[in-house]
């Protein structure tokens, strides 16, 4: 078995309480049940919007600087994720396609070392 990250990407303007209606929540819940029953879900978690993140950077002098906001300045950020134990990339991609439909958002798939 291999372990894969399946990450959901949300735009910076994503507001869960506005976007995530009952149908979307039901679809995500159903996908989680399906993953559990298939024995592939190792861990799953949703994240607060990136605007609430804190970042820590090491400066040249060795000091650590904490700032408000995400580490990367982009228009999209990871909004939630699954860590799956599956046979291979093809199996991870099958779940990623289901996640894209359930979450109504782009999904990134990456293998762990």
C-alpha atoms as a PDB file:
ATOM      1  CA  UNK A   1       0.000   0.000   0.000  1.00  0.00           C
ATOM      2  CA  UNK A   2       1.078   3.543  -0.694  1.00  0.00           C
ATOM      3  CA  UNK A   3       0.029   6.688   1.135  1.00  0.00           C
ATOM      4  CA  UNK A   4      -1.283   9.685  -0.829  1.00  0.00           C
ATOM      5  CA  UNK A   5      -2.372  13.180   0.088  1.00  0.00           C
ATOM      6  CA  UNK A   6      -5.586  14.264  -1.637  1.00  0.00           C
ATOM      7  CA  UNK A   7      -5.823  18.015  -1.024  1.00  0.00           C
ATOM      8  CA  UNK A   8      -8.806  20.230  -1.794  1.00  0.00           C
ATOM      9  CA  UNK A   9      -7.983  23.731  -3.062  1.00  0.00           C
ATOM     10  CA  UNK A  10     -10.195  26.719  -2.301  1.00  0.00           C
ATOM     11  CA  UNK A  11      -9.961  30.297  -3.549  1.00  0.00           C
ATOM     12  CA  UNK A  12      -8.986  32.957  -1.010  1.00  0.00           C
ATOM     13  CA  UNK A  13     -12.575  34.207  -1.069  1.00  0.00           C
ATOM     14  CA  UNK A  14     -13.942  30.806   0.041  1.00  0.00           C
ATOM     15  CA  UNK A  15     -16.387  31.112   2.933  1.00  0.00           C
ATOM     16  CA  UNK A  16     -17.482  27.647   4.138  1.00  0.00           C
ATOM     17  CA  UNK A  17     -20.698  28.881   5.749  1.00  0.00           C
ATOM     18  CA  UNK A  18     -21.760  30.457   2.447  1.00  0.00           C
ATOM     19  CA  UNK A  19     -20.512  27.872  -0.053  1.00  0.00           C
ATOM     20  CA  UNK A  20     -21.049  24.565   1.747  1.00  0.00           C
ATOM     21  CA  UNK A  21     -24.767  23.863   1.501  1.00  0.00           C
ATOM     22  CA  UNK A  22     -26.585  20.754   2.762  1.00  0.00           C
ATOM     23  CA  UNK A  23     -26.135  18.918  -0.542  1.00  0.00           C
ATOM     24  CA  UNK A  24     -22.384  19.504  -0.554  1.00  0.00           C
ATOM     25  CA  UNK A  25     -22.042  18.452   3.092  1.00  0.00           C
ATOM     26  CA  UNK A  26     -24.020  15.285   2.368  1.00  0.00           C
ATOM     27  CA  UNK A  27     -21.809  14.495  -0.626  1.00  0.00           C
ATOM     28  CA  UNK A  28     -18.631  14.924   1.436  1.00  0.00           C
ATOM     29  CA  UNK A  29     -20.069  12.847   4.290  1.00  0.00           C
ATOM     30  CA  UNK A  30     -21.005  10.089   1.817  1.00  0.00           C
ATOM     31  CA  UNK A  31     -17.499  10.129   0.347  1.00  0.00           C
ATOM     32  CA  UNK A  32     -15.986   9.846   3.836  1.00  0.00           C
ATOM     33  CA  UNK A  33     -18.220   6.865   4.603  1.00  0.00           C
ATOM     34  CA  UNK A  34     -17.261   5.254   1.282  1.00  0.00           C
ATOM     35  CA  UNK A  35     -13.551   5.777   1.990  1.00  0.00           C
ATOM     36  CA  UNK A  36     -13.886   4.315   5.498  1.00  0.00           C
ATOM     37  CA  UNK A  37     -15.814   1.292   4.226  1.00  0.00           C
ATOM     38  CA  UNK A  38     -13.174   0.724   1.530  1.00  0.00           C
ATOM     39  CA  UNK A  39     -10.492   0.877   4.225  1.00  0.00           C
ATOM     40  CA  UNK A  40      -8.475   3.568   2.429  1.00  0.00           C
ATOM     41  CA  UNK A  41      -8.980   6.607   4.661  1.00  0.00           C
ATOM     42  CA  UNK A  42      -6.046   7.037   7.036  1.00  0.00           C
ATOM     43  CA  UNK A  43      -6.887  10.603   8.085  1.00  0.00           C
ATOM     44  CA  UNK A  44      -9.043  13.495   6.902  1.00  0.00           C
ATOM     45  CA  UNK A  45      -9.395  17.089   7.961  1.00  0.00           C
ATOM     46  CA  UNK A  46     -10.850  20.403   6.910  1.00  0.00           C
ATOM     47  CA  UNK A  47      -8.946  23.617   7.454  1.00  0.00           C
ATOM     48  CA  UNK A  48     -10.081  27.111   8.350  1.00  0.00           C
ATOM     49  CA  UNK A  49      -9.694  29.634   5.492  1.00  0.00           C
ATOM     50  CA  UNK A  50      -6.105  30.670   4.758  1.00  0.00           C
ATOM     51  CA  UNK A  51      -6.756  34.225   5.947  1.00  0.00           C
ATOM     52  CA  UNK A  52      -6.690  32.858   9.515  1.00  0.00           C
ATOM     53  CA  UNK A  53      -3.296  31.170   9.095  1.00  0.00           C
ATOM     54  CA  UNK A  54      -0.095  32.193  10.844  1.00  0.00           C
ATOM     55  CA  UNK A  55       3.318  31.746   9.237  1.00  0.00           C
ATOM     56  CA  UNK A  56       6.776  31.495  10.795  1.00  0.00           C
ATOM     57  CA  UNK A  57       9.886  32.318   8.776  1.00  0.00           C
ATOM     58  CA  UNK A  58      13.559  32.193   9.689  1.00  0.00           C
ATOM     59  CA  UNK A  59      15.360  35.448   8.932  1.00  0.00           C
ATOM     60  CA  UNK A  60      19.004  35.684   7.813  1.00  0.00           C
ATOM     61  CA  UNK A  61      20.116  36.692  11.322  1.00  0.00           C
ATOM     62  CA  UNK A  62      18.493  33.560  12.802  1.00  0.00           C
ATOM     63  CA  UNK A  63      15.476  35.341  14.273  1.00  0.00           C
ATOM     64  CA  UNK A  64      12.054  33.843  13.691  1.00  0.00           C
ATOM     65  CA  UNK A  65       9.369  36.135  12.312  1.00  0.00           C
ATOM     66  CA  UNK A  66       5.660  35.339  12.753  1.00  0.00           C
ATOM     67  CA  UNK A  67       3.179  36.923  10.365  1.00  0.00           C
ATOM     68  CA  UNK A  68      -0.565  36.750   9.827  1.00  0.00           C
ATOM     69  CA  UNK A  69      -1.729  34.871   6.760  1.00  0.00           C
ATOM     70  CA  UNK A  70      -0.589  31.910   4.738  1.00  0.00           C
ATOM     71  CA  UNK A  71       3.028  31.164   3.903  1.00  0.00           C
ATOM     72  CA  UNK A  72       2.404  31.321   0.154  1.00  0.00           C
ATOM     73  CA  UNK A  73       0.812  34.392  -1.368  1.00  0.00           C
ATOM     74  CA  UNK A  74      -1.477  32.804  -3.948  1.00  0.00           C
ATOM     75  CA  UNK A  75      -5.126  33.032  -4.935  1.00  0.00           C
ATOM     76  CA  UNK A  76      -5.875  29.450  -3.786  1.00  0.00           C
ATOM     77  CA  UNK A  77      -4.953  27.447  -0.699  1.00  0.00           C
ATOM     78  CA  UNK A  78      -5.509  23.977   0.721  1.00  0.00           C
ATOM     79  CA  UNK A  79      -8.912  23.936   2.373  1.00  0.00           C
ATOM     80  CA  UNK A  80      -8.994  20.329   3.491  1.00  0.00           C
ATOM     81  CA  UNK A  81      -7.419  16.988   2.794  1.00  0.00           C
ATOM     82  CA  UNK A  82      -7.464  13.228   3.055  1.00  0.00           C
ATOM     83  CA  UNK A  83      -4.516  10.950   3.597  1.00  0.00           C
ATOM     84  CA  UNK A  84      -5.301   7.666   1.895  1.00  0.00           C
ATOM     85  CA  UNK A  85      -3.723   4.211   2.009  1.00  0.00           C
ATOM     86  CA  UNK A  86      -4.225   2.836  -1.488  1.00  0.00           C
ATOM     87  CA  UNK A  87      -2.517   0.423  -3.855  1.00  0.00           C
ATOM     88  CA  UNK A  88      -1.143   3.006  -6.270  1.00  0.00           C
ATOM     89  CA  UNK A  89      -1.535   6.396  -7.956  1.00  0.00           C
ATOM     90  CA  UNK A  90      -4.375   5.110 -10.109  1.00  0.00           C
ATOM     91  CA  UNK A  91      -6.394   4.250  -6.998  1.00  0.00           C
ATOM     92  CA  UNK A  92      -5.592   7.628  -5.423  1.00  0.00           C
ATOM     93  CA  UNK A  93      -6.758   9.364  -8.598  1.00  0.00           C
ATOM     94  CA  UNK A  94     -10.050   7.474  -8.518  1.00  0.00           C
ATOM     95  CA  UNK A  95     -10.719   8.870  -5.029  1.00  0.00           C
ATOM     96  CA  UNK A  96      -9.499  12.317  -6.095  1.00  0.00           C
ATOM     97  CA  UNK A  97     -12.069  12.425  -8.875  1.00  0.00           C
ATOM     98  CA  UNK A  98     -14.793  11.608  -6.344  1.00  0.00           C
ATOM     99  CA  UNK A  99     -13.433  14.301  -4.005  1.00  0.00           C
ATOM    100  CA  UNK A 100     -13.491  16.885  -6.797  1.00  0.00           C
ATOM    101  CA  UNK A 101     -17.179  16.166  -7.395  1.00  0.00           C
ATOM    102  CA  UNK A 102     -18.144  16.056  -3.699  1.00  0.00           C
ATOM    103  CA  UNK A 103     -16.214  19.195  -2.730  1.00  0.00           C
ATOM    104  CA  UNK A 104     -16.905  21.090  -5.947  1.00  0.00           C
ATOM    105  CA  UNK A 105     -13.272  22.190  -5.992  1.00  0.00           C
ATOM    106  CA  UNK A 106      -9.940  21.303  -7.591  1.00  0.00           C
ATOM    107  CA  UNK A 107      -7.957  18.486  -5.987  1.00  0.00           C
ATOM    108  CA  UNK A 108      -4.215  17.840  -5.843  1.00  0.00           C
ATOM    109  CA  UNK A 109      -2.806  14.332  -5.374  1.00  0.00           C
ATOM    110  CA  UNK A 110       0.709  13.765  -4.036  1.00  0.00           C
ATOM    111  CA  UNK A 111       2.481  10.641  -2.821  1.00  0.00           C
ATOM    112  CA  UNK A 112       4.296  10.487   0.487  1.00  0.00           C
ATOM    113  CA  UNK A 113       7.919   9.334   0.542  1.00  0.00           C
END
